[in-house]
Amino acid sequence: MLRLAIQAALPLRPVVRELLEPATGNVFAAYYAGILAPVVVGVLITAVRVLPVACTAFAVLHGRLRPPVRRG
């Protein structure tokens, strides 16, 4: 899923480079920011898709493993 999200975000690479190069004046910083931008977006998209499912699964597992409450 992470690889798919990174591949989908690859068109960001030239956009980030085009925006950062004139803003910073540093060609190398713009180049590496362009390389890292799809990776960061891919990680964030993957976290948004996976974390709610994982938290729900852990909550269900916690509820099933908890000992029953005795009242009285």
PDB file of N, CA and C in Angstrom:
ATOM      1  N   MET A   1       0.820  -1.188   0.000  1.00  0.00           N
ATOM      2  CA  MET A   1       0.000   0.000   0.000  1.00  0.00           C
ATOM      3  C   MET A   1       0.871   1.263   0.000  1.00  0.00           C
ATOM      4  N   LEU A   2       1.951   1.218   0.761  1.00  0.00           N
ATOM      5  CA  LEU A   2       2.864   2.364   0.796  1.00  0.00           C
ATOM      6  C   LEU A   2       3.465   2.613  -0.576  1.00  0.00           C
ATOM      7  N   ARG A   3       3.894   1.569  -1.229  1.00  0.00           N
ATOM      8  CA  ARG A   3       4.495   1.709  -2.560  1.00  0.00           C
ATOM      9  C   ARG A   3       3.499   2.285  -3.560  1.00  0.00           C
ATOM     10  N   LEU A   4       2.250   1.843  -3.477  1.00  0.00           N
ATOM     11  CA  LEU A   4       1.204   2.348  -4.363  1.00  0.00           C
ATOM     12  C   LEU A   4       0.939   3.832  -4.104  1.00  0.00           C
ATOM     13  N   ALA A   5       0.913   4.223  -2.848  1.00  0.00           N
ATOM     14  CA  ALA A   5       0.677   5.630  -2.511  1.00  0.00           C
ATOM     15  C   ALA A   5       1.841   6.503  -2.983  1.00  0.00           C
ATOM     16  N   ILE A   6       3.051   6.004  -2.865  1.00  0.00           N
ATOM     17  CA  ILE A   6       4.217   6.768  -3.335  1.00  0.00           C
ATOM     18  C   ILE A   6       4.174   6.912  -4.850  1.00  0.00           C
ATOM     19  N   GLN A   7       3.819   5.836  -5.544  1.00  0.00           N
ATOM     20  CA  GLN A   7       3.729   5.902  -7.001  1.00  0.00           C
ATOM     21  C   GLN A   7       2.660   6.895  -7.442  1.00  0.00           C
ATOM     22  N   ALA A   8       1.555   6.959  -6.704  1.00  0.00           N
ATOM     23  CA  ALA A   8       0.481   7.898  -7.047  1.00  0.00           C
ATOM     24  C   ALA A   8       0.905   9.344  -6.801  1.00  0.00           C
ATOM     25  N   ALA A   9       1.831   9.562  -5.868  1.00  0.00           N
ATOM     26  CA  ALA A   9       2.270  10.921  -5.533  1.00  0.00           C
ATOM     27  C   ALA A   9       3.489  11.373  -6.328  1.00  0.00           C
ATOM     28  N   LEU A  10       3.984  10.563  -7.234  1.00  0.00           N
ATOM     29  CA  LEU A  10       5.176  10.940  -8.001  1.00  0.00           C
ATOM     30  C   LEU A  10       5.020  12.219  -8.839  1.00  0.00           C
ATOM     31  N   PRO A  11       3.836  12.550  -9.331  1.00  0.00           N
ATOM     32  CA  PRO A  11       3.724  13.823 -10.060  1.00  0.00           C
ATOM     33  C   PRO A  11       4.013  15.060  -9.214  1.00  0.00           C
ATOM     34  N   LEU A  12       4.096  14.916  -7.895  1.00  0.00           N
ATOM     35  CA  LEU A  12       4.456  16.052  -7.045  1.00  0.00           C
ATOM     36  C   LEU A  12       5.919  16.457  -7.193  1.00  0.00           C
ATOM     37  N   ARG A  13       6.746  15.548  -7.646  1.00  0.00           N
ATOM     38  CA  ARG A  13       8.183  15.784  -7.711  1.00  0.00           C
ATOM     39  C   ARG A  13       8.552  17.056  -8.476  1.00  0.00           C
ATOM     40  N   PRO A  14       8.139  17.197  -9.729  1.00  0.00           N
ATOM     41  CA  PRO A  14       8.528  18.431 -10.442  1.00  0.00           C
ATOM     42  C   PRO A  14       7.839  19.681  -9.896  1.00  0.00           C
ATOM     43  N   VAL A  15       6.633  19.521  -9.368  1.00  0.00           N
ATOM     44  CA  VAL A  15       5.909  20.679  -8.825  1.00  0.00           C
ATOM     45  C   VAL A  15       6.651  21.258  -7.622  1.00  0.00           C
ATOM     46  N   VAL A  16       7.093  20.383  -6.730  1.00  0.00           N
ATOM     47  CA  VAL A  16       7.823  20.844  -5.542  1.00  0.00           C
ATOM     48  C   VAL A  16       9.141  21.490  -5.954  1.00  0.00           C
ATOM     49  N   ARG A  17       9.828  20.878  -6.911  1.00  0.00           N
ATOM     50  CA  ARG A  17      11.092  21.464  -7.384  1.00  0.00           C
ATOM     51  C   ARG A  17      10.882  22.845  -7.983  1.00  0.00           C
ATOM     52  N   GLU A  18       9.844  22.968  -8.809  1.00  0.00           N
ATOM     53  CA  GLU A  18       9.575  24.258  -9.461  1.00  0.00           C
ATOM     54  C   GLU A  18       9.231  25.346  -8.446  1.00  0.00           C
ATOM     55  N   LEU A  19       8.540  24.970  -7.368  1.00  0.00           N
ATOM     56  CA  LEU A  19       8.155  25.965  -6.366  1.00  0.00           C
ATOM     57  C   LEU A  19       9.301  26.344  -5.432  1.00  0.00           C
ATOM     58  N   LEU A  20      10.111  25.363  -5.062  1.00  0.00           N
ATOM     59  CA  LEU A  20      11.156  25.638  -4.061  1.00  0.00           C
ATOM     60  C   LEU A  20      12.423  26.253  -4.635  1.00  0.00           C
ATOM     61  N   GLU A  21      12.740  25.958  -5.877  1.00  0.00           N
ATOM     62  CA  GLU A  21      13.995  26.482  -6.422  1.00  0.00           C
ATOM     63  C   GLU A  21      14.031  28.006  -6.445  1.00  0.00           C
ATOM     64  N   PRO A  22      13.013  28.694  -6.954  1.00  0.00           N
ATOM     65  CA  PRO A  22      13.082  30.159  -6.891  1.00  0.00           C
ATOM     66  C   PRO A  22      12.917  30.704  -5.470  1.00  0.00           C
ATOM     67  N   ALA A  23      12.176  29.988  -4.635  1.00  0.00           N
ATOM     68  CA  ALA A  23      11.924  30.483  -3.279  1.00  0.00           C
ATOM     69  C   ALA A  23      13.181  30.422  -2.415  1.00  0.00           C
ATOM     70  N   THR A  24      13.936  29.333  -2.533  1.00  0.00           N
ATOM     71  CA  THR A  24      15.120  29.180  -1.696  1.00  0.00           C
ATOM     72  C   THR A  24      16.403  29.593  -2.394  1.00  0.00           C
ATOM     73  N   GLY A  25      16.419  29.511  -3.711  1.00  0.00           N
ATOM     74  CA  GLY A  25      17.640  29.804  -4.453  1.00  0.00           C
ATOM     75  C   GLY A  25      18.641  28.675  -4.396  1.00  0.00           C
ATOM     76  N   ASN A  26      18.264  27.558  -3.807  1.00  0.00           N
ATOM     77  CA  ASN A  26      19.158  26.420  -3.651  1.00  0.00           C
ATOM     78  C   ASN A  26      18.636  25.273  -4.521  1.00  0.00           C
ATOM     79  N   VAL A  27      19.379  24.963  -5.577  1.00  0.00           N
ATOM     80  CA  VAL A  27      18.956  23.926  -6.518  1.00  0.00           C
ATOM     81  C   VAL A  27      18.961  22.559  -5.844  1.00  0.00           C
ATOM     82  N   PHE A  28      19.945  22.280  -5.018  1.00  0.00           N
ATOM     83  CA  PHE A  28      20.066  20.972  -4.387  1.00  0.00           C
ATOM     84  C   PHE A  28      18.954  20.727  -3.368  1.00  0.00           C
ATOM     85  N   ALA A  29      18.616  21.746  -2.596  1.00  0.00           N
ATOM     86  CA  ALA A  29      17.522  21.602  -1.628  1.00  0.00           C
ATOM     87  C   ALA A  29      16.205  21.353  -2.351  1.00  0.00           C
ATOM     88  N   ALA A  30      15.974  22.060  -3.445  1.00  0.00           N
ATOM     89  CA  ALA A  30      14.744  21.864  -4.215  1.00  0.00           C
ATOM     90  C   ALA A  30      14.711  20.465  -4.821  1.00  0.00           C
ATOM     91  N   TYR A  31      15.848  19.987  -5.286  1.00  0.00           N
ATOM     92  CA  TYR A  31      15.931  18.645  -5.879  1.00  0.00           C
ATOM     93  C   TYR A  31      15.595  17.567  -4.848  1.00  0.00           C
ATOM     94  N   TYR A  32      16.214  17.648  -3.686  1.00  0.00           N
ATOM     95  CA  TYR A  32      15.978  16.623  -2.664  1.00  0.00           C
ATOM     96  C   TYR A  32      14.591  16.751  -2.029  1.00  0.00           C
ATOM     97  N   ALA A  33      14.076  17.954  -1.932  1.00  0.00           N
ATOM     98  CA  ALA A  33      12.698  18.111  -1.454  1.00  0.00           C
ATOM     99  C   ALA A  33      11.730  17.497  -2.455  1.00  0.00           C
ATOM    100  N   GLY A  34      12.030  17.632  -3.731  1.00  0.00           N
ATOM    101  CA  GLY A  34      11.204  17.002  -4.763  1.00  0.00           C
ATOM    102  C   GLY A  34      11.250  15.494  -4.683  1.00  0.00           C
ATOM    103  N   ILE A  35      12.394  14.933  -4.325  1.00  0.00           N
ATOM    104  CA  ILE A  35      12.510  13.482  -4.178  1.00  0.00           C
ATOM    105  C   ILE A  35      11.750  13.010  -2.942  1.00  0.00           C
ATOM    106  N   LEU A  36      11.831  13.762  -1.854  1.00  0.00           N
ATOM    107  CA  LEU A  36      11.207  13.332  -0.603  1.00  0.00           C
ATOM    108  C   LEU A  36       9.712  13.617  -0.523  1.00  0.00           C
ATOM    109  N   ALA A  37       9.209  14.545  -1.290  1.00  0.00           N
ATOM    110  CA  ALA A  37       7.787  14.912  -1.203  1.00  0.00           C
ATOM    111  C   ALA A  37       6.851  13.727  -1.471  1.00  0.00           C
ATOM    112  N   PRO A  38       7.049  12.927  -2.533  1.00  0.00           N
ATOM    113  CA  PRO A  38       6.153  11.780  -2.728  1.00  0.00           C
ATOM    114  C   PRO A  38       6.246  10.747  -1.610  1.00  0.00           C
ATOM    115  N   VAL A  39       7.426  10.593  -1.022  1.00  0.00           N
ATOM    116  CA  VAL A  39       7.581   9.631   0.073  1.00  0.00           C
ATOM    117  C   VAL A  39       6.799  10.096   1.299  1.00  0.00           C
ATOM    118  N   VAL A  40       6.898  11.366   1.622  1.00  0.00           N
ATOM    119  CA  VAL A  40       6.175  11.910   2.774  1.00  0.00           C
ATOM    120  C   VAL A  40       4.670  11.802   2.555  1.00  0.00           C
ATOM    121  N   VAL A  41       4.214  12.154   1.374  1.00  0.00           N
ATOM    122  CA  VAL A  41       2.784  12.061   1.069  1.00  0.00           C
ATOM    123  C   VAL A  41       2.329  10.604   1.112  1.00  0.00           C
ATOM    124  N   GLY A  42       3.149   9.699   0.590  1.00  0.00           N
ATOM    125  CA  GLY A  42       2.805   8.271   0.622  1.00  0.00           C
ATOM    126  C   GLY A  42       2.693   7.729   2.033  1.00  0.00           C
ATOM    127  N   VAL A  43       3.611   8.115   2.902  1.00  0.00           N
ATOM    128  CA  VAL A  43       3.561   7.665   4.294  1.00  0.00           C
ATOM    129  C   VAL A  43       2.319   8.213   4.995  1.00  0.00           C
ATOM    130  N   LEU A  44       1.996   9.478   4.767  1.00  0.00           N
ATOM    131  CA  LEU A  44       0.814  10.068   5.394  1.00  0.00           C
ATOM    132  C   LEU A  44      -0.475   9.419   4.899  1.00  0.00           C
ATOM    133  N   ILE A  45      -0.568   9.171   3.607  1.00  0.00           N
ATOM    134  CA  ILE A  45      -1.769   8.523   3.059  1.00  0.00           C
ATOM    135  C   ILE A  45      -1.903   7.111   3.610  1.00  0.00           C
ATOM    136  N   THR A  46      -0.798   6.382   3.682  1.00  0.00           N
ATOM    137  CA  THR A  46      -0.838   5.021   4.221  1.00  0.00           C
ATOM    138  C   THR A  46      -1.252   5.036   5.688  1.00  0.00           C
ATOM    139  N   ALA A  47      -0.740   5.982   6.461  1.00  0.00           N
ATOM    140  CA  ALA A  47      -1.119   6.073   7.878  1.00  0.00           C
ATOM    141  C   ALA A  47      -2.599   6.376   8.033  1.00  0.00           C
ATOM    142  N   VAL A  48      -3.119   7.252   7.194  1.00  0.00           N
ATOM    143  CA  VAL A  48      -4.536   7.596   7.270  1.00  0.00           C
ATOM    144  C   VAL A  48      -5.407   6.381   6.945  1.00  0.00           C
ATOM    145  N   ARG A  49      -4.953   5.533   6.046  1.00  0.00           N
ATOM    146  CA  ARG A  49      -5.739   4.364   5.659  1.00  0.00           C
ATOM    147  C   ARG A  49      -5.589   3.191   6.632  1.00  0.00           C
ATOM    148  N   VAL A  50      -4.421   3.034   7.243  1.00  0.00           N
ATOM    149  CA  VAL A  50      -4.139   1.838   8.043  1.00  0.00           C
ATOM    150  C   VAL A  50      -4.417   2.048   9.533  1.00  0.00           C
ATOM    151  N   LEU A  51      -4.106   3.201  10.082  1.00  0.00           N
ATOM    152  CA  LEU A  51      -4.226   3.409  11.525  1.00  0.00           C
ATOM    153  C   LEU A  51      -5.639   3.252  12.081  1.00  0.00           C
ATOM    154  N   PRO A  52      -6.684   3.752  11.431  1.00  0.00           N
ATOM    155  CA  PRO A  52      -8.024   3.525  12.003  1.00  0.00           C
ATOM    156  C   PRO A  52      -8.388   2.040  12.083  1.00  0.00           C
ATOM    157  N   VAL A  53      -8.025   1.280  11.077  1.00  0.00           N
ATOM    158  CA  VAL A  53      -8.311  -0.160  11.086  1.00  0.00           C
ATOM    159  C   VAL A  53      -7.511  -0.850  12.185  1.00  0.00           C
ATOM    160  N   ALA A  54      -6.249  -0.481  12.336  1.00  0.00           N
ATOM    161  CA  ALA A  54      -5.412  -1.097  13.365  1.00  0.00           C
ATOM    162  C   ALA A  54      -5.917  -0.737  14.768  1.00  0.00           C
ATOM    163  N   CYS A  55      -6.300   0.511  14.980  1.00  0.00           N
ATOM    164  CA  CYS A  55      -6.813   0.913  16.298  1.00  0.00           C
ATOM    165  C   CYS A  55      -8.121   0.194  16.626  1.00  0.00           C
ATOM    166  N   THR A  56      -8.990   0.037  15.643  1.00  0.00           N
ATOM    167  CA  THR A  56     -10.237  -0.683  15.859  1.00  0.00           C
ATOM    168  C   THR A  56      -9.964  -2.141  16.193  1.00  0.00           C
ATOM    169  N   ALA A  57      -9.024  -2.754  15.479  1.00  0.00           N
ATOM    170  CA  ALA A  57      -8.693  -4.153  15.749  1.00  0.00           C
ATOM    171  C   ALA A  57      -8.119  -4.316  17.155  1.00  0.00           C
ATOM    172  N   PHE A  58      -7.266  -3.406  17.581  1.00  0.00           N
ATOM    173  CA  PHE A  58      -6.712  -3.494  18.930  1.00  0.00           C
ATOM    174  C   PHE A  58      -7.779  -3.257  19.996  1.00  0.00           C
ATOM    175  N   ALA A  59      -8.737  -2.371  19.735  1.00  0.00           N
ATOM    176  CA  ALA A  59      -9.814  -2.135  20.695  1.00  0.00           C
ATOM    177  C   ALA A  59     -10.697  -3.374  20.841  1.00  0.00           C
ATOM    178  N   VAL A  60     -11.005  -4.025  19.738  1.00  0.00           N
ATOM    179  CA  VAL A  60     -11.806  -5.253  19.793  1.00  0.00           C
ATOM    180  C   VAL A  60     -11.043  -6.345  20.517  1.00  0.00           C
ATOM    181  N   LEU A  61      -9.772  -6.491  20.209  1.00  0.00           N
ATOM    182  CA  LEU A  61      -8.946  -7.498  20.873  1.00  0.00           C
ATOM    183  C   LEU A  61      -8.846  -7.229  22.368  1.00  0.00           C
ATOM    184  N   HIS A  62      -8.698  -5.963  22.748  1.00  0.00           N
ATOM    185  CA  HIS A  62      -8.629  -5.606  24.159  1.00  0.00           C
ATOM    186  C   HIS A  62      -9.935  -5.946  24.874  1.00  0.00           C
ATOM    187  N   GLY A  63     -11.051  -5.686  24.220  1.00  0.00           N
ATOM    188  CA  GLY A  63     -12.351  -5.998  24.805  1.00  0.00           C
ATOM    189  C   GLY A  63     -12.565  -7.491  24.985  1.00  0.00           C
ATOM    190  N   ARG A  64     -12.033  -8.288  24.096  1.00  0.00           N
ATOM    191  CA  ARG A  64     -12.197  -9.733  24.206  1.00  0.00           C
ATOM    192  C   ARG A  64     -11.247 -10.357  25.217  1.00  0.00           C
ATOM    193  N   LEU A  65     -10.089  -9.763  25.412  1.00  0.00           N
ATOM    194  CA  LEU A  65      -9.104 -10.338  26.330  1.00  0.00           C
ATOM    195  C   LEU A  65      -9.277  -9.862  27.768  1.00  0.00           C
ATOM    196  N   ARG A  66     -10.067  -8.838  27.992  1.00  0.00           N
ATOM    197  CA  ARG A  66     -10.266  -8.297  29.328  1.00  0.00           C
ATOM    198  C   ARG A  66     -11.109  -9.281  30.148  1.00  0.00           C
ATOM    199  N   PRO A  67     -10.713  -9.505  31.397  1.00  0.00           N
ATOM    200  CA  PRO A  67     -11.513 -10.435  32.229  1.00  0.00           C
ATOM    201  C   PRO A  67     -12.884  -9.819  32.529  1.00  0.00           C
ATOM    202  N   PRO A  68     -13.897 -10.660  32.700  1.00  0.00           N
ATOM    203  CA  PRO A  68     -15.227 -10.128  32.984  1.00  0.00           C
ATOM    204  C   PRO A  68     -15.265  -9.408  34.338  1.00  0.00           C
ATOM    205  N   VAL A  69     -16.067  -8.380  34.417  1.00  0.00           N
ATOM    206  CA  VAL A  69     -16.189  -7.580  35.626  1.00  0.00           C
ATOM    207  C   VAL A  69     -17.223  -8.245  36.535  1.00  0.00           C
ATOM    208  N   ARG A  70     -16.826  -8.492  37.801  1.00  0.00           N
ATOM    209  CA  ARG A  70     -17.757  -9.082  38.770  1.00  0.00           C
ATOM    210  C   ARG A  70     -18.331  -7.977  39.619  1.00  0.00           C
ATOM    211  N   ARG A  71     -19.636  -7.959  39.706  1.00  0.00           N
ATOM    212  CA  ARG A  71     -20.312  -6.929  40.516  1.00  0.00           C
ATOM    213  C   ARG A  71     -21.029  -7.599  41.665  1.00  0.00           C
ATOM    214  N   GLY A  72     -21.054  -6.895  42.743  1.00  0.00           N
ATOM    215  CA  GLY A  72     -21.851  -7.398  43.845  1.00  0.00           C
ATOM    216  C   GLY A  72     -21.095  -7.849  44.973  1.00  0.00           C
TER     217      GLY A  72
END
